Protein backbone atom coordinates (compact mmCIF):
# COMPACT_ATOMS: atom_id res chain seq x y z
CA MET A 1 22.45 13.83 29.52
CA VAL A 2 22.00 10.63 26.31
CA GLU A 3 20.90 7.63 28.63
CA ASN A 4 21.00 4.62 26.08
CA VAL A 5 19.64 1.20 26.70
CA ILE A 6 21.21 -1.93 25.29
CA VAL A 7 19.78 -4.64 24.82
CA GLU A 8 22.22 -8.20 23.73
CA LEU A 9 20.62 -10.20 21.80
CA GLN A 10 20.92 -14.12 21.64
CA ASN A 11 21.92 -14.22 18.05
CA GLY A 12 24.43 -11.91 19.05
CA ARG A 13 23.54 -8.96 18.13
CA ARG A 14 23.54 -5.81 20.12
CA LEU A 15 21.53 -3.18 19.55
CA THR A 16 21.30 -0.05 21.23
CA PHE A 17 17.97 1.79 22.76
CA ASP A 18 16.08 4.88 24.37
CA GLU A 19 13.37 3.43 26.53
CA VAL A 20 13.13 -0.46 27.45
CA VAL A 21 9.99 -1.25 29.39
CA VAL A 22 9.39 -4.95 30.12
CA LEU A 23 5.26 -5.74 29.28
CA ASP A 24 4.51 -8.83 31.16
CA ARG A 25 1.63 -10.43 28.80
CA THR A 26 0.71 -14.28 29.09
CA ASN A 27 3.34 -15.87 27.10
CA GLY A 28 6.36 -14.76 28.67
CA LYS A 29 7.63 -10.96 28.91
CA TRP A 30 8.36 -9.62 26.29
CA LEU A 31 10.88 -6.33 26.19
CA ARG A 32 9.42 -2.71 23.35
CA CYS A 33 12.08 -1.26 22.79
CA VAL A 34 12.01 2.37 21.28
CA ARG A 35 14.48 4.55 19.50
CA ALA A 36 13.88 8.20 18.93
CA GLU A 37 14.50 8.02 14.83
CA PRO A 38 11.56 7.74 12.14
CA SER A 39 10.54 4.49 11.55
CA SER A 40 12.39 2.66 8.45
CA ARG A 41 8.66 0.40 7.34
CA GLU A 42 6.33 2.98 8.63
CA ASN A 43 5.99 6.79 8.66
CA LEU A 44 6.24 6.91 12.19
CA PRO A 45 8.83 9.02 14.56
CA GLU A 46 10.19 6.64 15.88
CA THR A 47 10.52 2.90 15.90
CA THR A 48 9.63 0.16 18.15
CA LYS A 49 10.75 -4.02 18.19
CA TYR A 50 9.35 -6.09 21.00
CA TYR A 51 11.33 -8.67 22.14
CA HIS A 52 10.42 -12.11 23.85
CA PHE A 53 12.46 -12.20 26.84
CA ALA A 54 13.13 -15.63 26.92
CA SER A 55 13.56 -16.49 23.46
CA ASP A 56 15.43 -13.51 22.36
CA VAL A 57 16.94 -11.68 24.86
CA ASP A 58 20.42 -12.70 26.33
CA GLN A 59 21.16 -9.23 28.26
CA VAL A 60 19.85 -5.96 28.76
CA ARG A 61 22.81 -3.52 29.82
CA TRP A 62 21.35 0.93 31.16
CA ARG A 63 24.53 2.27 29.84
CA THR A 64 26.35 5.90 31.96
CA PRO A 65 24.71 9.33 31.09
CA THR A 66 27.04 10.82 29.38
CA PRO A 67 27.04 14.52 28.70
CA GLU A 68 25.47 15.32 25.77
């Protein structure tokens, strides 16, 4: 099954990730968002992005799992 998380940003962009983790830091909550695809900037097997919850994120939605 494929289960994705949709992160809607305050700038109107909607991005899909395979994993989202909430990080609680001294400067607020952050989302660590991971896609299981190679990074375009670095030679890494996955793409990781970080978004500040209060200033970047509008909504987080979990997509219903679907069969592969």
